[in-house]
Amino acid sequence: MQDALLHIYWLPMVLAFGAALYAVVAVLASRVSVSRAAASEGRAAPTPVSVLKPLCGAEPRLFDNLATFCEQTHPCFEVICGVSRADDPAIAIVHRLQAAYPRCRISLVVDPRIHGTNLKVSNLINLAQWAHHDVFVLADSDIAVEPDYLERVCAPLADPQAGVVTCLYRAKGIAGFWSRVGAQFINEWFVPSVRIAHAFGSTRFGFGATLALRRATLERMGGFERLSNTLADDFWLAEHVRELGLATVLSPVVVETDVTESTLSALWDRETRWLRTIRSVNRLGFAFLFVTITLPWIVCGAWLAFALHGAALHPAALAALVGACVTGLSARVILHAMMSGERHMFWRDLALMPVRDALLFAQWMAGSFGSTVVWRGVRMPVEDTGAPATVFRPEPVKALEVSDGR
């Protein structure tokens, strides 16, 4: 009877142990990584910075997020915002920003040229030519930062061996139930997985929340044009810099981002796109992501412990299984507490944990298939087509506009 039970249950038992171990390592890595990063952080003399902001549409809190980039303590920086359409609603928000911060150099670029399948990269190509400084900071439109952000993220570039600096981010759900579920995707799954990888020595990442690099480094890797037909442009920018023999630095700075999806359908589309993107850059890692989705396997282990209670299974094995489930569940709750920030958010969103992990497991299975994703209304291939970038120059070119609000 014992042998038969082991043949039936060995796989879910192994998964339960693996999930519990991962949950514990996630907690430890999060604590150790933050402590080490803060201890190793240094400051350098600030160099002039060009902040590139590709925009598309009037996203929720866009003005507030952009305003944080205009309130920097850095002594010399500019903010360059770009859109591809003359009727983009983001233009009015940039004009409002220019009026609110007249002492900050805020430029608006309206340029319809398309340089490949990735429209964000096309926007960056159009923006970069107007940058006045030799250090670039790229940050997505939904990012908010602290006043010392530019000084801190650019400091590592004083080291000639530092090629690109990137940041992790903390998410806030601002559109109800599903946006809070989406925030847990980032805070309690994505961020801990990066912390674990970094703790074990990996630097194969780059996040659109922040990418800081020197203009000369960008030119050596082939410029933004090299990314014009890729989906995971943030990852590949950092990867191409690493190919030059330069390091990727994970800054201790953690920025904030908004999760605005208010429906399950919108959240499903966004997170499935992220997972397919992960699959495109790391197939082996994606294949084993199921172990990182901890609650389903811990629950499965608890069910097995109940089912095998009193069976002809060695008491030590049964005790180990129960211990793993209790430890894994405790670690998962601790991780939720660490990422919640405030006590009321911990209790409010505690019940979302099983919803979050069950949904993530379904998305992982869906992300295993499919060759395209939809991003900002454009369907893109998951894999790089390898085709050379094609530049389209709509006429008349005088549709181009550059304005600093003065």
Protein backbone atom coordinates (compact mmCIF):
# COMPACT_ATOMS: atom_id res chain seq x y z
CA MET A 1 0.00 0.00 0.00
CA GLN A 2 2.83 2.39 0.90
CA ASP A 3 4.62 1.82 -2.44
CA ALA A 4 1.37 2.39 -4.35
CA LEU A 5 0.71 5.66 -2.54
CA LEU A 6 4.26 6.88 -3.23
CA HIS A 7 3.89 6.07 -6.94
CA ILE A 8 0.66 8.07 -7.07
CA TYR A 9 1.60 11.01 -4.90
CA TRP A 10 5.34 11.56 -5.32
CA LEU A 11 5.03 14.32 -7.93
CA PRO A 12 2.56 16.57 -6.04
CA MET A 13 4.59 15.98 -2.86
CA VAL A 14 7.75 17.16 -4.60
CA LEU A 15 5.91 20.22 -5.94
CA ALA A 16 4.62 21.05 -2.47
CA PHE A 17 8.14 20.86 -1.03
CA GLY A 18 9.52 22.91 -3.93
CA ALA A 19 6.87 25.61 -3.59
CA ALA A 20 7.45 25.87 0.16
CA LEU A 21 11.19 26.18 -0.36
CA TYR A 22 10.69 28.85 -3.01
CA ALA A 23 8.42 30.88 -0.70
CA VAL A 24 11.04 30.84 2.05
CA VAL A 25 13.85 31.79 -0.35
CA ALA A 26 11.70 34.64 -1.73
CA VAL A 27 11.35 36.14 1.74
CA LEU A 28 15.05 35.77 2.53
CA ALA A 29 16.19 37.10 -0.85
CA SER A 30 13.93 40.12 -0.57
CA ARG A 31 15.36 41.05 2.82
CA VAL A 32 19.00 40.36 1.92
CA SER A 33 18.85 42.02 -1.49
CA VAL A 34 17.41 45.27 -0.15
CA SER A 35 19.92 45.40 2.72
CA ARG A 36 22.93 44.73 0.48
CA ALA A 37 21.82 47.24 -2.14
CA ALA A 38 21.34 50.00 0.43
CA ALA A 39 24.71 49.26 2.06
CA SER A 40 26.59 49.33 -1.27
CA GLU A 41 24.93 52.48 -2.61
CA GLY A 42 27.27 55.34 -3.34
CA ARG A 43 26.91 58.84 -4.71
CA ALA A 44 28.88 60.58 -7.45
CA ALA A 45 29.06 64.09 -8.81
CA PRO A 46 25.86 64.60 -10.83
CA THR A 47 26.22 64.78 -14.63
CA PRO A 48 23.57 66.37 -16.89
CA VAL A 49 20.72 63.99 -17.71
CA SER A 50 18.12 63.74 -20.47
CA VAL A 51 14.96 61.96 -19.33
CA LEU A 52 13.14 60.37 -22.28
CA LYS A 53 9.41 59.85 -21.82
CA PRO A 54 7.56 58.06 -24.68
CA LEU A 55 3.84 58.73 -24.22
CA CYS A 56 0.68 57.34 -25.76
CA GLY A 57 -2.69 58.59 -24.55
CA ALA A 58 -3.87 60.27 -21.38
CA GLU A 59 -3.30 57.48 -18.87
CA PRO A 60 -4.71 57.78 -15.35
CA ARG A 61 -2.45 59.90 -13.12
CA LEU A 62 -0.20 60.78 -16.06
CA PHE A 63 0.24 64.39 -14.93
CA ASP A 64 1.03 63.36 -11.34
CA ASN A 65 3.55 60.74 -12.47
CA LEU A 66 5.30 63.09 -14.90
CA ALA A 67 5.37 65.82 -12.25
CA THR A 68 7.59 63.68 -10.03
CA PHE A 69 10.26 63.82 -12.75
CA CYS A 70 10.07 67.62 -12.73
CA GLU A 71 10.67 67.89 -8.97
CA GLN A 72 14.14 66.37 -8.93
CA THR A 73 16.98 67.62 -6.76
CA HIS A 74 19.42 66.89 -9.59
CA PRO A 75 21.08 70.19 -10.63
CA CYS A 76 20.92 69.73 -14.42
CA PHE A 77 18.32 67.68 -16.26
CA GLU A 78 15.69 67.92 -18.96
CA VAL A 79 12.48 65.98 -19.58
CA ILE A 80 11.64 65.15 -23.20
CA CYS A 81 8.13 63.82 -23.80
CA GLY A 82 7.15 62.37 -27.16
CA VAL A 83 4.00 61.28 -28.97
CA SER A 84 3.43 60.06 -32.51
CA ARG A 85 0.07 61.74 -33.23
CA ALA A 86 -0.85 65.41 -33.29
CA ASP A 87 -4.21 64.57 -31.65
CA ASP A 88 -2.78 62.48 -28.80
CA PRO A 89 -4.50 63.47 -25.51
CA ALA A 90 -1.13 63.31 -23.74
CA ILE A 91 -0.15 66.56 -25.50
CA ALA A 92 -2.54 68.62 -23.37
CA ILE A 93 -1.10 67.04 -20.22
CA VAL A 94 2.46 67.91 -21.27
CA HIS A 95 1.36 71.50 -21.97
CA ARG A 96 -0.15 71.60 -18.49
CA LEU A 97 3.10 70.24 -17.08
CA GLN A 98 5.12 72.94 -18.87
CA ALA A 99 2.90 75.61 -17.38
CA ALA A 100 3.13 74.14 -13.88
CA TYR A 101 6.94 73.84 -13.95
CA PRO A 102 8.23 76.82 -15.94
CA ARG A 103 11.75 76.51 -14.51
CA CYS A 104 12.10 72.89 -15.63
CA ARG A 105 13.17 72.21 -19.21
CA ILE A 106 10.26 70.12 -20.52
CA SER A 107 10.18 69.48 -24.26
CA LEU A 108 7.37 68.01 -26.31
CA VAL A 109 8.14 66.13 -29.53
CA VAL A 110 5.33 65.24 -31.93
CA ASP A 111 6.81 62.99 -34.59
CA PRO A 112 4.80 60.45 -36.66
CA ARG A 113 7.76 58.53 -38.07
CA ILE A 114 7.63 54.77 -37.51
CA HIS A 115 10.85 52.76 -37.47
CA GLY A 116 9.62 49.20 -37.01
CA THR A 117 7.01 47.05 -35.30
CA ASN A 118 7.65 48.42 -31.79
CA LEU A 119 5.96 51.82 -31.63
CA LYS A 120 7.45 52.69 -28.24
CA VAL A 121 10.94 52.26 -29.68
CA SER A 122 9.96 54.38 -32.68
CA ASN A 123 9.01 57.08 -30.21
CA LEU A 124 12.38 56.76 -28.44
CA ILE A 125 14.25 57.03 -31.74
CA ASN A 126 12.39 60.23 -32.49
CA LEU A 127 13.02 61.60 -28.98
CA ALA A 128 16.73 60.79 -28.74
CA GLN A 129 17.77 63.18 -31.50
CA TRP A 130 16.52 66.13 -29.39
CA ALA A 131 18.41 65.14 -26.22
CA HIS A 132 21.03 67.68 -25.14
CA HIS A 133 22.90 65.59 -22.58
CA ASP A 134 25.12 62.50 -22.66
CA VAL A 135 23.32 60.45 -20.00
CA PHE A 136 19.89 59.07 -20.87
CA VAL A 137 17.24 57.92 -18.42
CA LEU A 138 14.29 56.05 -19.91
CA ALA A 139 11.19 55.54 -17.78
CA ASP A 140 7.71 54.33 -18.66
CA SER A 141 4.85 56.81 -18.54
CA ASP A 142 3.18 55.22 -15.49
CA ILE A 143 6.20 55.58 -13.20
CA ALA A 144 6.43 57.91 -10.19
CA VAL A 145 9.73 58.65 -8.44
CA GLU A 146 11.23 60.35 -5.37
CA PRO A 147 13.02 63.73 -5.62
CA ASP A 148 16.52 62.18 -5.40
CA TYR A 149 15.77 59.58 -8.07
CA LEU A 150 17.99 60.94 -10.87
CA GLU A 151 20.99 61.45 -8.60
CA ARG A 152 20.75 57.91 -7.25
CA VAL A 153 20.07 55.97 -10.44
CA CYS A 154 22.75 57.79 -12.44
CA ALA A 155 25.48 57.53 -9.77
CA PRO A 156 26.64 54.01 -10.79
CA LEU A 157 27.40 55.27 -14.31
CA ALA A 158 30.47 57.02 -12.87
CA ASP A 159 32.04 53.55 -13.04
CA PRO A 160 33.22 52.93 -16.64
CA GLN A 161 32.32 49.23 -16.30
CA ALA A 162 28.67 50.02 -15.51
CA GLY A 163 26.71 49.88 -18.74
CA VAL A 164 23.09 50.23 -17.73
CA VAL A 165 21.26 50.87 -14.45
CA THR A 166 17.76 49.55 -13.90
CA CYS A 167 15.17 49.64 -11.08
CA LEU A 168 12.52 47.43 -9.64
CA TYR A 169 9.12 48.88 -8.94
CA ARG A 170 6.27 48.68 -6.47
CA ALA A 171 2.75 48.53 -7.92
CA LYS A 172 -0.40 50.21 -6.68
CA GLY A 173 -3.85 49.16 -7.85
CA ILE A 174 -5.85 52.32 -8.54
CA ALA A 175 -8.88 50.95 -10.38
CA GLY A 176 -10.64 48.61 -7.97
CA PHE A 177 -10.57 44.89 -7.34
CA TRP A 178 -8.80 43.62 -10.46
CA SER A 179 -6.16 46.32 -10.33
CA ARG A 180 -5.33 45.21 -6.78
CA VAL A 181 -5.00 41.65 -8.03
CA GLY A 182 -2.68 43.00 -10.74
CA ALA A 183 -0.58 44.82 -8.16
CA GLN A 184 0.02 41.51 -6.39
CA PHE A 185 1.31 40.05 -9.68
CA ILE A 186 4.12 42.60 -9.58
CA ASN A 187 4.74 42.94 -5.86
CA GLU A 188 4.40 39.34 -4.72
CA TRP A 189 5.51 37.34 -7.74
CA PHE A 190 7.56 39.33 -10.24
CA VAL A 191 9.67 41.39 -7.83
CA PRO A 192 10.57 38.46 -5.51
CA SER A 193 11.55 36.33 -8.53
CA VAL A 194 13.96 39.06 -9.65
CA ARG A 195 15.31 39.40 -6.12
CA ILE A 196 16.02 35.66 -6.02
CA ALA A 197 17.74 35.69 -9.41
CA HIS A 198 19.84 38.69 -8.37
CA ALA A 199 20.75 37.11 -5.04
CA PHE A 200 22.15 34.12 -6.93
CA GLY A 201 24.24 36.33 -9.19
CA SER A 202 22.04 36.88 -12.25
CA THR A 203 21.93 40.28 -13.93
CA ARG A 204 20.11 39.23 -17.11
CA PHE A 205 17.35 41.77 -16.79
CA GLY A 206 16.36 45.31 -17.69
CA PHE A 207 13.07 46.97 -16.77
CA GLY A 208 11.16 49.74 -18.49
CA ALA A 209 10.55 51.32 -15.09
CA THR A 210 14.08 52.73 -15.39
CA LEU A 211 16.99 52.27 -17.77
CA ALA A 212 19.89 54.69 -17.35
CA LEU A 213 22.89 54.61 -19.66
CA ARG A 214 25.41 56.81 -21.41
CA ARG A 215 24.73 58.08 -24.92
CA ALA A 216 28.05 56.59 -26.03
CA THR A 217 27.01 53.16 -24.75
CA LEU A 218 23.72 53.38 -26.62
CA GLU A 219 25.54 54.25 -29.83
CA ARG A 220 28.03 51.39 -29.40
CA MET A 221 25.22 48.83 -29.04
CA GLY A 222 23.56 50.07 -32.24
CA GLY A 223 21.17 52.69 -30.90
CA PHE A 224 17.45 52.36 -30.32
CA GLU A 225 17.18 51.29 -33.97
CA ARG A 226 18.48 47.86 -32.98
CA LEU A 227 15.34 47.38 -30.86
CA SER A 228 12.80 48.56 -33.42
CA ASN A 229 11.41 45.11 -34.23
CA THR A 230 11.61 43.52 -30.77
CA LEU A 231 8.88 43.06 -28.18
CA ALA A 232 10.93 43.00 -24.95
CA ASP A 233 12.81 46.19 -25.80
CA ASP A 234 13.79 46.93 -22.18
CA PHE A 235 15.33 43.48 -21.72
CA TRP A 236 17.13 43.53 -25.07
CA LEU A 237 18.54 47.01 -24.54
CA ALA A 238 20.24 45.80 -21.36
CA GLU A 239 21.24 42.52 -23.05
CA HIS A 240 22.93 44.32 -25.96
CA VAL A 241 24.81 46.50 -23.46
CA ARG A 242 25.97 43.36 -21.66
CA GLU A 243 27.25 42.04 -24.99
CA LEU A 244 29.70 44.97 -24.94
CA GLY A 245 31.19 43.57 -21.73
CA LEU A 246 29.52 46.18 -19.53
CA ALA A 247 27.59 45.42 -16.34
CA THR A 248 23.92 45.75 -15.51
CA VAL A 249 23.41 47.42 -12.13
CA LEU A 250 20.23 46.85 -10.14
CA SER A 251 19.71 50.12 -8.28
CA PRO A 252 18.41 50.10 -4.69
CA VAL A 253 15.90 52.70 -5.87
CA VAL A 254 12.37 51.28 -6.08
CA VAL A 255 9.96 53.38 -8.12
CA GLU A 256 6.17 53.23 -8.13
CA THR A 257 3.84 52.19 -10.92
CA ASP A 258 0.07 52.18 -11.34
CA VAL A 259 -2.05 49.18 -12.23
CA THR A 260 -5.07 50.60 -14.05
CA GLU A 261 -6.81 47.48 -15.39
CA SER A 262 -10.32 47.47 -13.93
CA THR A 263 -11.59 44.26 -15.59
CA LEU A 264 -10.46 40.65 -15.62
CA SER A 265 -10.21 40.72 -19.41
CA ALA A 266 -7.85 43.71 -19.46
CA LEU A 267 -5.72 42.25 -16.66
CA TRP A 268 -5.58 38.87 -18.39
CA ASP A 269 -4.39 40.44 -21.65
CA ARG A 270 -1.67 42.49 -19.97
CA GLU A 271 -0.26 39.76 -17.77
CA THR A 272 -0.43 37.10 -20.46
CA ARG A 273 1.55 39.47 -22.69
CA TRP A 274 4.18 39.78 -19.95
CA LEU A 275 4.41 36.01 -19.55
CA ARG A 276 4.75 35.44 -23.30
CA THR A 277 7.45 38.07 -23.31
CA ILE A 278 9.28 36.18 -20.54
CA ARG A 279 8.90 33.02 -22.62
CA SER A 280 10.45 34.76 -25.62
CA VAL A 281 13.63 35.75 -23.76
CA ASN A 282 14.02 32.78 -21.38
CA ARG A 283 12.28 29.59 -22.47
CA LEU A 284 13.85 27.36 -19.82
CA GLY A 285 13.08 29.77 -17.01
CA PHE A 286 9.51 30.15 -18.23
CA ALA A 287 9.04 26.38 -18.31
CA PHE A 288 9.77 26.15 -14.58
CA LEU A 289 7.76 29.18 -13.49
CA PHE A 290 5.01 26.91 -12.20
CA VAL A 291 7.13 26.19 -9.12
CA THR A 292 7.07 29.90 -8.23
CA ILE A 293 3.26 29.91 -8.11
CA THR A 294 3.28 28.69 -4.55
CA LEU A 295 -0.23 28.55 -3.10
CA PRO A 296 -1.74 25.91 -5.45
CA TRP A 297 1.06 23.47 -4.64
CA ILE A 298 1.01 24.21 -0.91
CA VAL A 299 -2.74 23.63 -0.86
CA CYS A 300 -2.20 20.43 -2.81
CA GLY A 301 0.38 19.34 -0.24
CA ALA A 302 -2.01 20.08 2.61
CA TRP A 303 -4.69 18.01 0.91
CA LEU A 304 -2.22 15.14 0.49
CA ALA A 305 -1.26 15.31 4.15
CA PHE A 306 -4.93 15.02 5.09
CA ALA A 307 -5.54 12.22 2.56
CA LEU A 308 -2.48 10.25 3.67
CA HIS A 309 -3.12 10.63 7.38
CA GLY A 310 -3.42 7.19 8.85
CA ALA A 311 -2.20 5.51 5.65
CA ALA A 312 0.82 3.26 5.49
CA LEU A 313 3.12 6.19 4.85
CA HIS A 314 6.20 6.72 6.99
CA PRO A 315 5.32 9.14 9.82
CA ALA A 316 8.51 11.14 9.18
CA ALA A 317 7.53 11.73 5.54
CA LEU A 318 4.05 12.80 6.59
CA ALA A 319 5.45 15.15 9.26
CA ALA A 320 7.86 16.66 6.71
CA LEU A 321 5.00 17.28 4.30
CA VAL A 322 2.90 18.99 6.99
CA GLY A 323 5.90 21.04 8.08
CA ALA A 324 6.61 22.12 4.51
CA CYS A 325 3.01 23.22 3.99
CA VAL A 326 2.92 25.23 7.22
CA THR A 327 6.31 26.81 6.52
CA GLY A 328 5.43 27.60 2.89
CA LEU A 329 2.10 29.17 3.79
CA SER A 330 3.71 31.22 6.56
CA ALA A 331 6.41 32.45 4.19
CA ARG A 332 3.82 33.38 1.59
CA VAL A 333 1.90 35.44 4.17
CA ILE A 334 5.14 37.09 5.36
CA LEU A 335 5.97 38.00 1.76
CA HIS A 336 2.51 39.53 1.40
CA ALA A 337 3.12 41.55 4.58
CA MET A 338 6.51 42.75 3.32
CA MET A 339 5.06 43.93 0.03
CA SER A 340 1.84 45.42 1.41
CA GLY A 341 3.56 48.39 2.98
CA GLU A 342 0.66 49.42 5.23
CA ARG A 343 -1.24 47.35 7.78
CA HIS A 344 -4.70 48.05 6.38
CA MET A 345 -3.52 46.99 2.90
CA PHE A 346 -2.21 43.72 4.36
CA TRP A 347 -5.62 42.78 5.78
CA ARG A 348 -7.59 44.20 2.85
CA ASP A 349 -5.74 42.17 0.23
CA LEU A 350 -4.90 39.04 2.21
CA ALA A 351 -7.90 37.21 0.76
CA LEU A 352 -6.69 38.03 -2.77
CA MET A 353 -3.68 35.72 -2.46
CA PRO A 354 -5.42 32.51 -3.62
CA VAL A 355 -7.19 34.43 -6.41
CA ARG A 356 -3.85 35.87 -7.50
CA ASP A 357 -1.99 32.56 -7.59
CA ALA A 358 -4.83 30.62 -9.24
CA LEU A 359 -5.08 33.27 -11.95
CA LEU A 360 -1.32 33.30 -12.43
CA PHE A 361 -1.26 29.53 -12.90
CA ALA A 362 -3.96 29.80 -15.58
CA GLN A 363 -2.04 32.62 -17.26
CA TRP A 364 1.17 30.61 -17.20
CA MET A 365 -0.57 27.81 -19.08
CA ALA A 366 -2.06 30.29 -21.56
CA GLY A 367 1.31 32.00 -21.94
CA SER A 368 2.85 28.70 -22.99
CA PHE A 369 1.03 29.04 -26.29
CA GLY A 370 0.47 31.81 -28.79
CA SER A 371 2.88 33.59 -31.10
CA THR A 372 1.57 37.16 -30.84
CA VAL A 373 0.53 39.71 -28.23
CA VAL A 374 -1.48 42.92 -28.38
CA TRP A 375 0.32 45.98 -27.04
CA ARG A 376 -1.26 49.45 -27.16
CA GLY A 377 -3.71 48.21 -29.78
CA VAL A 378 -1.00 46.78 -32.05
CA ARG A 379 -0.52 43.04 -32.57
CA MET A 380 3.15 42.10 -32.36
CA PRO A 381 4.99 38.79 -32.79
CA VAL A 382 6.38 37.28 -29.59
CA GLU A 383 9.64 36.33 -31.27
CA ASP A 384 11.95 38.79 -32.98
CA THR A 385 11.36 38.40 -36.71
CA GLY A 386 14.98 39.16 -37.47
CA ALA A 387 13.89 41.48 -40.26
CA PRO A 388 15.81 44.74 -40.70
CA ALA A 389 14.14 47.83 -39.33
CA THR A 390 12.01 49.63 -41.87
CA VAL A 391 11.65 53.38 -41.59
CA PHE A 392 8.42 54.93 -42.78
CA ARG A 393 8.39 58.69 -43.29
CA PRO A 394 4.82 59.89 -43.71
CA GLU A 395 4.32 63.08 -45.67
CA PRO A 396 4.30 65.88 -44.98
CA VAL A 397 7.27 65.73 -42.63
CA LYS A 398 6.38 69.20 -41.34
CA ALA A 399 3.88 67.43 -39.07
CA LEU A 400 6.92 67.20 -36.75
CA GLU A 401 6.68 69.52 -33.74
CA VAL A 402 9.18 70.26 -31.03
CA SER A 403 8.23 72.60 -28.21
CA ASP A 404 9.65 73.41 -24.79
CA GLY A 405 6.60 75.40 -23.72
CA ARG A 406 8.40 78.72 -23.83
